[in-house]
Every structure is written in structure tokens, then in C-alpha cells.
């Protein structure tokens, strides 16, 4: 697997899935986007170059959206049970 396949294939998919799962357990919207931004920032300066920083911001926004969707789904399921 090349760096390009990792950066634009596996990494965004794993961030979205991890954001959904971790948010369901932690139930905080900002937890997983902050963790994913820290991880992506470390990857920017170790594995990739500084030009990947823009993608790190985009993937963090995607993580925030996925976390918000996970909490929204949890809220809907909780209202259905009540």
C-alpha cells in the first residue's frame, strides 16, 4: 500500500468509522474530532509533508460531522424507546 492509497483511501474511511463508534461510547461530539486531528497532525509531520495539513483539516471536519450524526441517531433511538 502506497502513501497515496493510505492517505486518500484507508485513512478517511477509518476516521469516519472510528468517529461513529467512539462517539457512541463516549457520547461527546468534540472528543473524536480532537483525537483525530492530533493523530492527523502527527502523521502530517512524520509520514506525509506539510501539504497534507489541508487534508487533515478536511478529515477532522468529516470526523466532526460523523460524530454529530452518531449523537443525532442516538437521540432519535432514545426518543423511540421512551
PDB file of N, CA and C in Angstrom:
ATOM      1  N   UNK A   1       0.850  -1.172   0.000  1.00  0.00           N
ATOM      2  CA  UNK A   1       0.000   0.000   0.000  1.00  0.00           C
ATOM      3  C   UNK A   1       0.897   1.236   0.000  1.00  0.00           C
ATOM      4  N   UNK A   2       0.616   2.111  -0.945  1.00  0.00           N
ATOM      5  CA  UNK A   2       1.402   3.326  -1.046  1.00  0.00           C
ATOM      6  C   UNK A   2       0.860   4.390  -0.093  1.00  0.00           C
ATOM      7  N   UNK A   3       1.630   5.456   0.046  1.00  0.00           N
ATOM      8  CA  UNK A   3       1.191   6.564   0.900  1.00  0.00           C
ATOM      9  C   UNK A   3      -0.096   7.193   0.372  1.00  0.00           C
ATOM     10  N   UNK A   4      -0.238   7.238  -0.934  1.00  0.00           N
ATOM     11  CA  UNK A   4      -1.426   7.837  -1.537  1.00  0.00           C
ATOM     12  C   UNK A   4      -2.674   7.011  -1.254  1.00  0.00           C
ATOM     13  N   UNK A   5      -2.557   5.687  -1.364  1.00  0.00           N
ATOM     14  CA  UNK A   5      -3.694   4.823  -1.048  1.00  0.00           C
ATOM     15  C   UNK A   5      -4.073   4.930   0.417  1.00  0.00           C
ATOM     16  N   UNK A   6      -3.079   5.043   1.269  1.00  0.00           N
ATOM     17  CA  UNK A   6      -3.333   5.183   2.697  1.00  0.00           C
ATOM     18  C   UNK A   6      -3.984   6.528   3.015  1.00  0.00           C
ATOM     19  N   UNK A   7      -3.465   7.605   2.418  1.00  0.00           N
ATOM     20  CA  UNK A   7      -3.928   8.956   2.737  1.00  0.00           C
ATOM     21  C   UNK A   7      -5.333   9.234   2.217  1.00  0.00           C
ATOM     22  N   UNK A   8      -5.678   8.673   1.082  1.00  0.00           N
ATOM     23  CA  UNK A   8      -6.969   9.014   0.480  1.00  0.00           C
ATOM     24  C   UNK A   8      -7.941   7.844   0.417  1.00  0.00           C
ATOM     25  N   UNK A   9      -7.560   6.705   0.938  1.00  0.00           N
ATOM     26  CA  UNK A   9      -8.449   5.554   0.936  1.00  0.00           C
ATOM     27  C   UNK A   9      -8.737   5.031   2.320  1.00  0.00           C
ATOM     28  N   UNK A  10      -7.728   4.471   2.933  1.00  0.00           N
ATOM     29  CA  UNK A  10      -7.901   3.820   4.222  1.00  0.00           C
ATOM     30  C   UNK A  10      -8.062   4.822   5.368  1.00  0.00           C
ATOM     31  N   UNK A  11      -7.311   5.878   5.354  1.00  0.00           N
ATOM     32  CA  UNK A  11      -7.334   6.853   6.452  1.00  0.00           C
ATOM     33  C   UNK A  11      -8.686   7.550   6.614  1.00  0.00           C
ATOM     34  N   UNK A  12      -9.294   8.111   5.569  1.00  0.00           N
ATOM     35  CA  UNK A  12     -10.592   8.760   5.782  1.00  0.00           C
ATOM     36  C   UNK A  12     -11.683   7.774   6.180  1.00  0.00           C
ATOM     37  N   UNK A  13     -11.657   6.594   5.599  1.00  0.00           N
ATOM     38  CA  UNK A  13     -12.659   5.593   5.940  1.00  0.00           C
ATOM     39  C   UNK A  13     -12.528   5.155   7.389  1.00  0.00           C
ATOM     40  N   UNK A  14     -11.308   4.935   7.837  1.00  0.00           N
ATOM     41  CA  UNK A  14     -11.106   4.523   9.231  1.00  0.00           C
ATOM     42  C   UNK A  14     -11.438   5.641  10.213  1.00  0.00           C
ATOM     43  N   UNK A  15     -11.203   6.882   9.848  1.00  0.00           N
ATOM     44  CA  UNK A  15     -11.548   8.005  10.719  1.00  0.00           C
ATOM     45  C   UNK A  15     -13.061   8.117  10.872  1.00  0.00           C
ATOM     46  N   UNK A  16     -13.785   7.963   9.778  1.00  0.00           N
ATOM     47  CA  UNK A  16     -15.244   8.052   9.856  1.00  0.00           C
ATOM     48  C   UNK A  16     -15.837   6.923  10.686  1.00  0.00           C
ATOM     49  N   UNK A  17     -15.362   5.713  10.477  1.00  0.00           N
ATOM     50  CA  UNK A  17     -15.873   4.570  11.237  1.00  0.00           C
ATOM     51  C   UNK A  17     -15.514   4.702  12.715  1.00  0.00           C
ATOM     52  N   UNK A  18     -14.276   5.098  12.987  1.00  0.00           N
ATOM     53  CA  UNK A  18     -13.859   5.276  14.382  1.00  0.00           C
ATOM     54  C   UNK A  18     -14.642   6.404  15.047  1.00  0.00           C
ATOM     55  N   UNK A  19     -14.938   7.452  14.309  1.00  0.00           N
ATOM     56  CA  UNK A  19     -15.710   8.562  14.871  1.00  0.00           C
ATOM     57  C   UNK A  19     -17.107   8.110  15.260  1.00  0.00           C
ATOM     58  N   UNK A  20     -17.732   7.331  14.413  1.00  0.00           N
ATOM     59  CA  UNK A  20     -19.059   6.827  14.732  1.00  0.00           C
ATOM     60  C   UNK A  20     -19.041   5.933  15.965  1.00  0.00           C
ATOM     61  N   UNK A  21     -18.115   5.004  16.010  1.00  0.00           N
ATOM     62  CA  UNK A  21     -18.071   4.033  17.107  1.00  0.00           C
ATOM     63  C   UNK A  21     -17.667   4.687  18.424  1.00  0.00           C
ATOM     64  N   UNK A  22     -16.624   5.488  18.411  1.00  0.00           N
ATOM     65  CA  UNK A  22     -16.140   6.104  19.647  1.00  0.00           C
ATOM     66  C   UNK A  22     -17.164   7.097  20.193  1.00  0.00           C
ATOM     67  N   UNK A  23     -17.834   7.833  19.322  1.00  0.00           N
ATOM     68  CA  UNK A  23     -18.834   8.788  19.783  1.00  0.00           C
ATOM     69  C   UNK A  23     -20.012   8.084  20.431  1.00  0.00           C
ATOM     70  N   UNK A  24     -20.369   6.916  19.939  1.00  0.00           N
ATOM     71  CA  UNK A  24     -21.458   6.164  20.564  1.00  0.00           C
ATOM     72  C   UNK A  24     -21.112   5.747  21.988  1.00  0.00           C
ATOM     73  N   UNK A  25     -19.847   5.468  22.248  1.00  0.00           N
ATOM     74  CA  UNK A  25     -19.442   5.072  23.597  1.00  0.00           C
ATOM     75  C   UNK A  25     -19.180   6.269  24.504  1.00  0.00           C
ATOM     76  N   UNK A  26     -18.501   7.284  23.990  1.00  0.00           N
ATOM     77  CA  UNK A  26     -18.109   8.432  24.804  1.00  0.00           C
ATOM     78  C   UNK A  26     -19.255   9.436  24.933  1.00  0.00           C
ATOM     79  N   UNK A  27     -20.061   9.584  23.897  1.00  0.00           N
ATOM     80  CA  UNK A  27     -21.196  10.496  23.814  1.00  0.00           C
ATOM     81  C   UNK A  27     -20.794  11.961  23.970  1.00  0.00           C
ATOM     82  N   UNK A  28     -19.678  12.316  23.413  1.00  0.00           N
ATOM     83  CA  UNK A  28     -19.210  13.702  23.341  1.00  0.00           C
ATOM     84  C   UNK A  28     -18.901  14.019  21.883  1.00  0.00           C
ATOM     85  N   UNK A  29     -19.420  15.120  21.377  1.00  0.00           N
ATOM     86  CA  UNK A  29     -19.242  15.468  19.973  1.00  0.00           C
ATOM     87  C   UNK A  29     -17.795  15.835  19.660  1.00  0.00           C
ATOM     88  N   UNK A  30     -17.121  16.507  20.571  1.00  0.00           N
ATOM     89  CA  UNK A  30     -15.794  17.039  20.277  1.00  0.00           C
ATOM     90  C   UNK A  30     -14.649  16.084  20.584  1.00  0.00           C
ATOM     91  N   UNK A  31     -14.902  14.961  21.201  1.00  0.00           N
ATOM     92  CA  UNK A  31     -13.814  14.074  21.616  1.00  0.00           C
ATOM     93  C   UNK A  31     -13.076  13.477  20.413  1.00  0.00           C
ATOM     94  N   UNK A  32     -13.802  12.804  19.545  1.00  0.00           N
ATOM     95  CA  UNK A  32     -13.148  12.121  18.424  1.00  0.00           C
ATOM     96  C   UNK A  32     -12.570  13.071  17.393  1.00  0.00           C
ATOM     97  N   UNK A  33     -13.208  14.206  17.056  1.00  0.00           N
ATOM     98  CA  UNK A  33     -12.531  15.134  16.136  1.00  0.00           C
ATOM     99  C   UNK A  33     -11.206  15.670  16.680  1.00  0.00           C
ATOM    100  N   UNK A  34     -11.130  15.916  17.979  1.00  0.00           N
ATOM    101  CA  UNK A  34      -9.872  16.391  18.560  1.00  0.00           C
ATOM    102  C   UNK A  34      -8.818  15.290  18.499  1.00  0.00           C
ATOM    103  N   UNK A  35      -9.208  14.073  18.839  1.00  0.00           N
ATOM    104  CA  UNK A  35      -8.267  12.952  18.791  1.00  0.00           C
ATOM    105  C   UNK A  35      -7.805  12.705  17.354  1.00  0.00           C
ATOM    106  N   UNK A  36      -8.735  12.739  16.408  1.00  0.00           N
ATOM    107  CA  UNK A  36      -8.346  12.506  15.018  1.00  0.00           C
ATOM    108  C   UNK A  36      -7.464  13.635  14.498  1.00  0.00           C
ATOM    109  N   UNK A  37      -7.712  14.886  14.912  1.00  0.00           N
ATOM    110  CA  UNK A  37      -6.850  15.980  14.471  1.00  0.00           C
ATOM    111  C   UNK A  37      -5.436  15.833  15.029  1.00  0.00           C
ATOM    112  N   UNK A  38      -5.320  15.408  16.267  1.00  0.00           N
ATOM    113  CA  UNK A  38      -3.995  15.205  16.847  1.00  0.00           C
ATOM    114  C   UNK A  38      -3.252  14.100  16.110  1.00  0.00           C
ATOM    115  N   UNK A  39      -3.948  13.005  15.821  1.00  0.00           N
ATOM    116  CA  UNK A  39      -3.330  11.900  15.094  1.00  0.00           C
ATOM    117  C   UNK A  39      -2.929  12.342  13.691  1.00  0.00           C
ATOM    118  N   UNK A  40      -3.811  13.061  13.014  1.00  0.00           N
ATOM    119  CA  UNK A  40      -3.502  13.529  11.668  1.00  0.00           C
ATOM    120  C   UNK A  40      -2.386  14.568  11.661  1.00  0.00           C
ATOM    121  N   UNK A  41      -2.308  15.376  12.698  1.00  0.00           N
ATOM    122  CA  UNK A  41      -1.217  16.344  12.796  1.00  0.00           C
ATOM    123  C   UNK A  41       0.125  15.637  12.969  1.00  0.00           C
ATOM    124  N   UNK A  42       0.134  14.597  13.769  1.00  0.00           N
ATOM    125  CA  UNK A  42       1.358  13.806  13.927  1.00  0.00           C
ATOM    126  C   UNK A  42       1.733  13.141  12.608  1.00  0.00           C
ATOM    127  N   UNK A  43       0.740  12.583  11.898  1.00  0.00           N
ATOM    128  CA  UNK A  43       1.013  11.958  10.605  1.00  0.00           C
ATOM    129  C   UNK A  43       1.478  12.973   9.567  1.00  0.00           C
ATOM    130  N   UNK A  44       0.991  14.209   9.668  1.00  0.00           N
ATOM    131  CA  UNK A  44       1.393  15.244   8.723  1.00  0.00           C
ATOM    132  C   UNK A  44       2.888  15.491   8.792  1.00  0.00           C
ATOM    133  N   UNK A  45       3.430  15.523   9.983  1.00  0.00           N
ATOM    134  CA  UNK A  45       4.851  15.861  10.122  1.00  0.00           C
ATOM    135  C   UNK A  45       5.766  14.653  10.168  1.00  0.00           C
ATOM    136  N   UNK A  46       5.214  13.441  10.274  1.00  0.00           N
ATOM    137  CA  UNK A  46       6.074  12.258  10.294  1.00  0.00           C
ATOM    138  C   UNK A  46       6.005  11.471   8.994  1.00  0.00           C
ATOM    139  N   UNK A  47       4.811  11.135   8.549  1.00  0.00           N
ATOM    140  CA  UNK A  47       4.657  10.268   7.387  1.00  0.00           C
ATOM    141  C   UNK A  47       4.485  11.063   6.092  1.00  0.00           C
ATOM    142  N   UNK A  48       3.746  12.152   6.151  1.00  0.00           N
ATOM    143  CA  UNK A  48       3.485  12.966   4.961  1.00  0.00           C
ATOM    144  C   UNK A  48       4.265  14.265   5.066  1.00  0.00           C
ATOM    145  N   UNK A  49       3.929  15.234   4.215  1.00  0.00           N
ATOM    146  CA  UNK A  49       4.564  16.543   4.324  1.00  0.00           C
ATOM    147  C   UNK A  49       3.517  17.587   4.716  1.00  0.00           C
ATOM    148  N   UNK A  50       3.919  18.837   4.768  1.00  0.00           N
ATOM    149  CA  UNK A  50       3.059  19.902   5.280  1.00  0.00           C
ATOM    150  C   UNK A  50       1.836  20.118   4.381  1.00  0.00           C
ATOM    151  N   UNK A  51       1.922  19.744   3.129  1.00  0.00           N
ATOM    152  CA  UNK A  51       0.776  19.920   2.237  1.00  0.00           C
ATOM    153  C   UNK A  51      -0.394  19.017   2.621  1.00  0.00           C
ATOM    154  N   UNK A  52      -0.177  18.002   3.434  1.00  0.00           N
ATOM    155  CA  UNK A  52      -1.247  17.127   3.905  1.00  0.00           C
ATOM    156  C   UNK A  52      -2.073  17.795   5.001  1.00  0.00           C
ATOM    157  N   UNK A  53      -1.616  18.906   5.531  1.00  0.00           N
ATOM    158  CA  UNK A  53      -2.324  19.582   6.618  1.00  0.00           C
ATOM    159  C   UNK A  53      -3.741  19.995   6.199  1.00  0.00           C
ATOM    160  N   UNK A  54      -3.921  20.406   4.967  1.00  0.00           N
ATOM    161  CA  UNK A  54      -5.253  20.754   4.477  1.00  0.00           C
ATOM    162  C   UNK A  54      -6.190  19.563   4.518  1.00  0.00           C
ATOM    163  N   UNK A  55      -5.678  18.401   4.151  1.00  0.00           N
ATOM    164  CA  UNK A  55      -6.490  17.191   4.218  1.00  0.00           C
ATOM    165  C   UNK A  55      -6.754  16.791   5.659  1.00  0.00           C
ATOM    166  N   UNK A  56      -5.825  17.084   6.544  1.00  0.00           N
ATOM    167  CA  UNK A  56      -6.050  16.796   7.964  1.00  0.00           C
ATOM    168  C   UNK A  56      -7.223  17.611   8.494  1.00  0.00           C
ATOM    169  N   UNK A  57      -7.333  18.845   8.059  1.00  0.00           N
ATOM    170  CA  UNK A  57      -8.458  19.686   8.473  1.00  0.00           C
ATOM    171  C   UNK A  57      -9.764  19.149   7.881  1.00  0.00           C
ATOM    172  N   UNK A  58      -9.729  18.741   6.618  1.00  0.00           N
ATOM    173  CA  UNK A  58     -10.926  18.196   5.973  1.00  0.00           C
ATOM    174  C   UNK A  58     -11.374  16.910   6.663  1.00  0.00           C
ATOM    175  N   UNK A  59     -10.445  16.028   6.977  1.00  0.00           N
ATOM    176  CA  UNK A  59     -10.788  14.776   7.648  1.00  0.00           C
ATOM    177  C   UNK A  59     -11.297  15.026   9.064  1.00  0.00           C
ATOM    178  N   UNK A  60     -10.787  16.055   9.717  1.00  0.00           N
ATOM    179  CA  UNK A  60     -11.284  16.417  11.044  1.00  0.00           C
ATOM    180  C   UNK A  60     -12.718  16.927  10.966  1.00  0.00           C
ATOM    181  N   UNK A  61     -13.016  17.716   9.959  1.00  0.00           N
ATOM    182  CA  UNK A  61     -14.398  18.167   9.758  1.00  0.00           C
ATOM    183  C   UNK A  61     -15.316  16.982   9.469  1.00  0.00           C
ATOM    184  N   UNK A  62     -14.832  16.022   8.697  1.00  0.00           N
ATOM    185  CA  UNK A  62     -15.604  14.807   8.452  1.00  0.00           C
ATOM    186  C   UNK A  62     -15.834  14.019   9.724  1.00  0.00           C
ATOM    187  N   UNK A  63     -14.840  13.994  10.591  1.00  0.00           N
ATOM    188  CA  UNK A  63     -14.974  13.321  11.880  1.00  0.00           C
ATOM    189  C   UNK A  63     -16.003  14.028  12.751  1.00  0.00           C
ATOM    190  N   UNK A  64     -16.006  15.349  12.718  1.00  0.00           N
ATOM    191  CA  UNK A  64     -16.995  16.113  13.486  1.00  0.00           C
ATOM    192  C   UNK A  64     -18.407  15.838  12.978  1.00  0.00           C
ATOM    193  N   UNK A  65     -18.570  15.799  11.672  1.00  0.00           N
ATOM    194  CA  UNK A  65     -19.891  15.527  11.093  1.00  0.00           C
ATOM    195  C   UNK A  65     -20.350  14.119  11.446  1.00  0.00           C
ATOM    196  N   UNK A  66     -19.437  13.147  11.371  1.00  0.00           N
ATOM    197  CA  UNK A  66     -19.795  11.771  11.723  1.00  0.00           C
ATOM    198  C   UNK A  66     -20.150  11.662  13.198  1.00  0.00           C
ATOM    199  N   UNK A  67     -19.451  12.381  14.059  1.00  0.00           N
ATOM    200  CA  UNK A  67     -19.762  12.359  15.488  1.00  0.00           C
ATOM    201  C   UNK A  67     -21.122  12.978  15.762  1.00  0.00           C
ATOM    202  N   UNK A  68     -21.417  14.053  15.075  1.00  0.00           N
ATOM    203  CA  UNK A  68     -22.714  14.706  15.256  1.00  0.00           C
ATOM    204  C   UNK A  68     -23.845  13.800  14.766  1.00  0.00           C
ATOM    205  N   UNK A  69     -23.631  13.122  13.645  1.00  0.00           N
ATOM    206  CA  UNK A  69     -24.633  12.188  13.125  1.00  0.00           C
ATOM    207  C   UNK A  69     -24.846  11.036  14.094  1.00  0.00           C
ATOM    208  N   UNK A  70     -23.772  10.524  14.691  1.00  0.00           N
ATOM    209  CA  UNK A  70     -23.900   9.427  15.654  1.00  0.00           C
ATOM    210  C   UNK A  70     -24.708   9.861  16.869  1.00  0.00           C
ATOM    211  N   UNK A  71     -24.465  11.050  17.389  1.00  0.00           N
ATOM    212  CA  UNK A  71     -25.254  11.534  18.523  1.00  0.00           C
ATOM    213  C   UNK A  71     -26.703  11.807  18.141  1.00  0.00           C
ATOM    214  N   UNK A  72     -26.934  12.269  16.925  1.00  0.00           N
ATOM    215  CA  UNK A  72     -28.289  12.509  16.450  1.00  0.00           C
ATOM    216  C   UNK A  72     -29.065  11.189  16.357  1.00  0.00           C
ATOM    217  N   UNK A  73     -28.410  10.154  15.857  1.00  0.00           N
ATOM    218  CA  UNK A  73     -29.040   8.831  15.786  1.00  0.00           C
ATOM    219  C   UNK A  73     -29.332   8.295  17.181  1.00  0.00           C
ATOM    220  N   UNK A  74     -28.399   8.481  18.085  1.00  0.00           N
ATOM    221  CA  UNK A  74     -28.628   8.033  19.471  1.00  0.00           C
ATOM    222  C   UNK A  74     -29.813   8.768  20.092  1.00  0.00           C
ATOM    223  N   UNK A  75     -29.944  10.059  19.818  1.00  0.00           N
ATOM    224  CA  UNK A  75     -31.049  10.843  20.366  1.00  0.00           C
ATOM    225  C   UNK A  75     -32.386  10.349  19.801  1.00  0.00           C
ATOM    226  N   UNK A  76     -32.413  10.041  18.515  1.00  0.00           N
ATOM    227  CA  UNK A  76     -33.640   9.532  17.901  1.00  0.00           C
ATOM    228  C   UNK A  76     -34.008   8.167  18.478  1.00  0.00           C
ATOM    229  N   UNK A  77     -33.024   7.290  18.636  1.00  0.00           N
ATOM    230  CA  UNK A  77     -33.302   5.965  19.199  1.00  0.00           C
ATOM    231  C   UNK A  77     -33.745   6.057  20.648  1.00  0.00           C
ATOM    232  N   UNK A  78     -33.189   7.002  21.388  1.00  0.00           N
ATOM    233  CA  UNK A  78     -33.589   7.179  22.786  1.00  0.00           C
ATOM    234  C   UNK A  78     -35.029   7.677  22.891  1.00  0.00           C
ATOM    235  N   UNK A  79     -35.432   8.572  21.967  1.00  0.00           N
ATOM    236  CA  UNK A  79     -36.805   9.075  21.973  1.00  0.00           C
ATOM    237  C   UNK A  79     -37.793   7.983  21.578  1.00  0.00           C
ATOM    238  N   UNK A  80     -37.397   7.076  20.686  1.00  0.00           N
ATOM    239  CA  UNK A  80     -38.275   5.981  20.294  1.00  0.00           C
ATOM    240  C   UNK A  80     -38.533   5.020  21.445  1.00  0.00           C
ATOM    241  N   UNK A  81     -37.511   4.824  22.282  1.00  0.00           N
ATOM    242  CA  UNK A  81     -37.669   3.916  23.422  1.00  0.00           C
ATOM    243  C   UNK A  81     -38.590   4.491  24.479  1.00  0.00           C
ATOM    244  N   UNK A  82     -38.604   5.803  24.598  1.00  0.00           N
ATOM    245  CA  UNK A  82     -39.405   6.444  25.653  1.00  0.00           C
ATOM    246  C   UNK A  82     -40.862   6.582  25.303  1.00  0.00           C
TER     247      UNK A  82
END
